[in-house]
């Protein structure tokens, strides 16, 4: 055998050994899910779902006219929904380093969405500072176009999950009890 073949075989064995070592010894991710109504702690803060309302996109902006500047007209007629989640926050303990999570994505089926920070700030504009026990409202756009036909048929019963962290520990708040709301006009 030539020297190049021997070196290639040794490198392949070392790479395979390294992959096996990492797979056996790497810390596995854990997932903790809290049902709606329960609390989950993340970075010294407890979070719980106080309320959740699923709106048709256009109905949300019709009912909340002061939010109209955040509306994207193209989403009004394509099946997009807005899920407004009221999250109660509480300080978990006397930790000085407790921080409210700034970016809480929502997942449904295979989709991950982040909230609109401008609309969120506008909706919560009276809350200039947050304290333990406060509730903040976070609107999430739910895009029907990102779902397949079977998933679209189940939109009324689908579950959503707010995700806190991803590795090594992923914590989720399950949202499966939400109201559907339509704008009845004035």
Protein backbone atom coordinates (compact mmCIF):
# COMPACT_ATOMS: atom_id res chain seq x y z
CA UNK A 1 0.00 0.00 0.00
CA UNK A 2 1.18 3.47 -0.75
CA UNK A 3 1.76 6.08 1.92
CA UNK A 4 -1.17 8.23 0.69
CA UNK A 5 -3.63 5.37 1.10
CA UNK A 6 -2.42 4.62 4.63
CA UNK A 7 -2.70 8.28 5.64
CA UNK A 8 -6.20 8.47 4.10
CA UNK A 9 -7.32 5.35 6.00
CA UNK A 10 -5.88 6.66 9.28
CA UNK A 11 -7.62 10.05 8.78
CA UNK A 12 -10.95 8.34 8.03
CA UNK A 13 -10.66 6.16 11.14
CA UNK A 14 -9.81 9.23 13.27
CA UNK A 15 -12.75 11.19 11.87
CA UNK A 16 -15.16 8.32 12.48
CA UNK A 17 -13.77 7.87 16.00
CA UNK A 18 -14.21 11.60 16.71
CA UNK A 19 -17.80 11.59 15.44
CA UNK A 20 -18.60 8.54 17.57
CA UNK A 21 -16.98 10.15 20.64
CA UNK A 22 -18.95 13.39 20.24
CA UNK A 23 -22.23 11.55 19.69
CA UNK A 24 -21.72 9.44 22.80
CA UNK A 25 -20.46 12.20 25.10
CA UNK A 26 -22.21 15.38 23.97
CA UNK A 27 -24.84 16.76 26.29
CA UNK A 28 -28.25 15.89 24.90
CA UNK A 29 -30.91 18.55 24.63
CA UNK A 30 -33.80 18.34 27.06
CA UNK A 31 -37.26 19.70 26.32
CA UNK A 32 -39.59 20.86 29.08
CA UNK A 33 -43.16 21.72 28.10
CA UNK A 34 -45.61 23.47 30.40
CA UNK A 35 -49.31 23.16 29.67
CA UNK A 36 -51.33 26.32 29.27
CA UNK A 37 -52.14 27.74 32.69
CA UNK A 38 -48.89 26.43 34.22
CA UNK A 39 -45.70 28.46 34.60
CA UNK A 40 -42.25 27.92 33.21
CA UNK A 41 -39.08 29.50 34.59
CA UNK A 42 -36.37 30.86 32.33
CA UNK A 43 -33.44 33.07 33.40
CA UNK A 44 -34.97 33.83 36.79
CA UNK A 45 -38.39 34.86 35.42
CA UNK A 46 -41.61 32.83 35.47
CA UNK A 47 -43.86 32.97 32.42
CA UNK A 48 -47.46 31.82 32.04
CA UNK A 49 -50.16 32.28 29.43
CA UNK A 50 -52.92 34.54 30.78
CA UNK A 51 -54.98 34.56 27.58
CA UNK A 52 -54.70 33.86 23.87
CA UNK A 53 -56.95 35.10 21.06
CA UNK A 54 -56.73 34.09 17.39
CA UNK A 55 -57.91 36.79 14.98
CA UNK A 56 -58.34 36.90 11.22
CA UNK A 57 -55.65 39.33 10.07
CA UNK A 58 -58.02 42.01 8.76
CA UNK A 59 -60.40 41.69 11.72
CA UNK A 60 -57.58 42.43 14.16
CA UNK A 61 -56.72 45.70 12.46
CA UNK A 62 -60.39 46.64 11.96
CA UNK A 63 -61.05 46.15 15.69
CA UNK A 64 -57.82 47.90 16.71
CA UNK A 65 -57.83 50.91 14.41
CA UNK A 66 -54.98 52.63 16.23
CA UNK A 67 -52.70 49.75 15.09
CA UNK A 68 -53.52 50.28 11.39
CA UNK A 69 -50.10 51.73 10.58
CA UNK A 70 -48.60 48.26 11.19
CA UNK A 71 -50.94 46.45 8.78
CA UNK A 72 -49.62 44.91 5.59
CA UNK A 73 -52.53 45.03 3.17
CA UNK A 74 -51.25 42.02 1.19
CA UNK A 75 -51.76 39.76 4.25
CA UNK A 76 -55.40 40.75 4.70
CA UNK A 77 -56.79 38.24 2.20
CA UNK A 78 -54.33 35.33 2.17
CA UNK A 79 -55.52 33.47 5.28
CA UNK A 80 -53.01 35.06 7.65
CA UNK A 81 -54.10 35.14 11.28
CA UNK A 82 -52.87 37.05 14.32
CA UNK A 83 -52.54 35.22 17.61
CA UNK A 84 -52.40 37.71 20.48
CA UNK A 85 -50.83 36.04 23.51
CA UNK A 86 -51.05 37.67 26.93
CA UNK A 87 -48.04 36.52 28.94
CA UNK A 88 -47.86 37.02 32.70
CA UNK A 89 -44.33 37.58 33.98
CA UNK A 90 -43.16 37.14 37.55
CA UNK A 91 -39.76 37.27 39.13
CA UNK A 92 -38.94 33.70 40.12
CA UNK A 93 -36.70 34.56 43.05
CA UNK A 94 -34.44 37.29 44.36
CA UNK A 95 -31.85 36.84 41.63
CA UNK A 96 -30.42 40.18 40.60
CA UNK A 97 -29.59 38.82 37.15
CA UNK A 98 -33.19 37.87 36.30
CA UNK A 99 -33.94 39.08 32.77
CA UNK A 100 -37.15 39.10 30.77
CA UNK A 101 -36.66 37.23 27.50
CA UNK A 102 -36.69 39.73 24.64
CA UNK A 103 -37.23 37.37 21.74
CA UNK A 104 -39.82 34.64 22.26
CA UNK A 105 -40.50 32.75 19.03
CA UNK A 106 -43.67 30.77 18.44
CA UNK A 107 -43.77 27.40 16.69
CA UNK A 108 -46.61 25.57 15.00
CA UNK A 109 -46.11 22.44 12.96
CA UNK A 110 -42.73 23.01 11.27
CA UNK A 111 -42.91 26.81 11.27
CA UNK A 112 -41.04 29.17 13.60
CA UNK A 113 -42.17 32.82 13.76
CA UNK A 114 -40.98 35.79 15.74
CA UNK A 115 -43.29 38.58 16.79
CA UNK A 116 -43.45 42.05 15.28
CA UNK A 117 -41.48 44.17 17.79
CA UNK A 118 -43.00 47.47 16.62
CA UNK A 119 -46.60 46.29 16.95
CA UNK A 120 -45.77 44.66 20.29
CA UNK A 121 -44.26 47.90 21.62
CA UNK A 122 -47.28 49.86 20.36
CA UNK A 123 -49.82 47.52 21.98
CA UNK A 124 -47.93 47.65 25.30
CA UNK A 125 -47.11 51.39 25.10
CA UNK A 126 -48.63 52.19 28.52
CA UNK A 127 -46.22 49.77 30.17
CA UNK A 128 -43.09 51.88 30.37
CA UNK A 129 -41.47 49.51 32.84
CA UNK A 130 -42.37 45.95 33.74
CA UNK A 131 -42.60 44.56 37.23
CA UNK A 132 -43.39 41.15 38.62
CA UNK A 133 -47.01 40.21 38.01
CA UNK A 134 -47.45 42.35 34.87
CA UNK A 135 -49.00 40.97 31.71
CA UNK A 136 -47.72 41.85 28.26
CA UNK A 137 -49.50 41.22 24.97
CA UNK A 138 -47.51 39.79 22.08
CA UNK A 139 -49.10 39.49 18.62
CA UNK A 140 -47.80 36.73 16.36
CA UNK A 141 -48.60 36.52 12.65
CA UNK A 142 -49.65 32.99 11.69
CA UNK A 143 -49.13 32.40 8.00
CA UNK A 144 -51.58 29.93 6.48
CA UNK A 145 -49.53 29.92 3.28
CA UNK A 146 -46.67 28.13 5.06
CA UNK A 147 -48.88 25.14 5.89
CA UNK A 148 -49.91 22.20 3.71
CA UNK A 149 -53.59 21.42 2.99
CA UNK A 150 -53.98 18.94 5.85
CA UNK A 151 -52.50 21.41 8.34
CA UNK A 152 -54.74 24.23 7.05
CA UNK A 153 -57.82 22.12 7.77
CA UNK A 154 -56.63 21.77 11.39
CA UNK A 155 -55.95 25.48 11.95
CA UNK A 156 -58.84 25.80 14.40
CA UNK A 157 -57.41 23.12 16.68
CA UNK A 158 -53.66 23.48 16.17
CA UNK A 159 -51.28 23.89 19.07
CA UNK A 160 -48.77 26.70 19.37
CA UNK A 161 -45.64 26.71 21.51
CA UNK A 162 -43.69 29.67 22.85
CA UNK A 163 -40.04 28.66 22.92
CA UNK A 164 -37.51 29.76 25.54
CA UNK A 165 -33.95 28.72 24.72
CA UNK A 166 -33.00 25.82 22.50
CA UNK A 167 -29.80 24.15 23.75
CA UNK A 168 -28.98 22.46 26.04
CA UNK A 169 -32.42 23.00 27.54
CA UNK A 170 -35.46 24.01 25.54
CA UNK A 171 -38.47 25.24 27.50
CA UNK A 172 -41.87 25.61 25.89
CA UNK A 173 -45.22 27.07 26.89
CA UNK A 174 -48.04 25.22 25.17
CA UNK A 175 -50.99 27.21 23.81
CA UNK A 176 -53.93 24.97 22.96
CA UNK A 177 -56.84 26.82 24.56
CA UNK A 178 -57.37 30.03 22.64
CA UNK A 179 -60.43 31.99 21.63
CA UNK A 180 -61.26 32.82 18.05
CA UNK A 181 -62.35 36.38 17.63
CA UNK A 182 -63.96 38.24 14.79
CA UNK A 183 -64.62 41.92 14.42
CA UNK A 184 -68.34 42.60 14.58
CA UNK A 185 -68.06 46.20 13.44
CA UNK A 186 -69.07 49.27 15.33
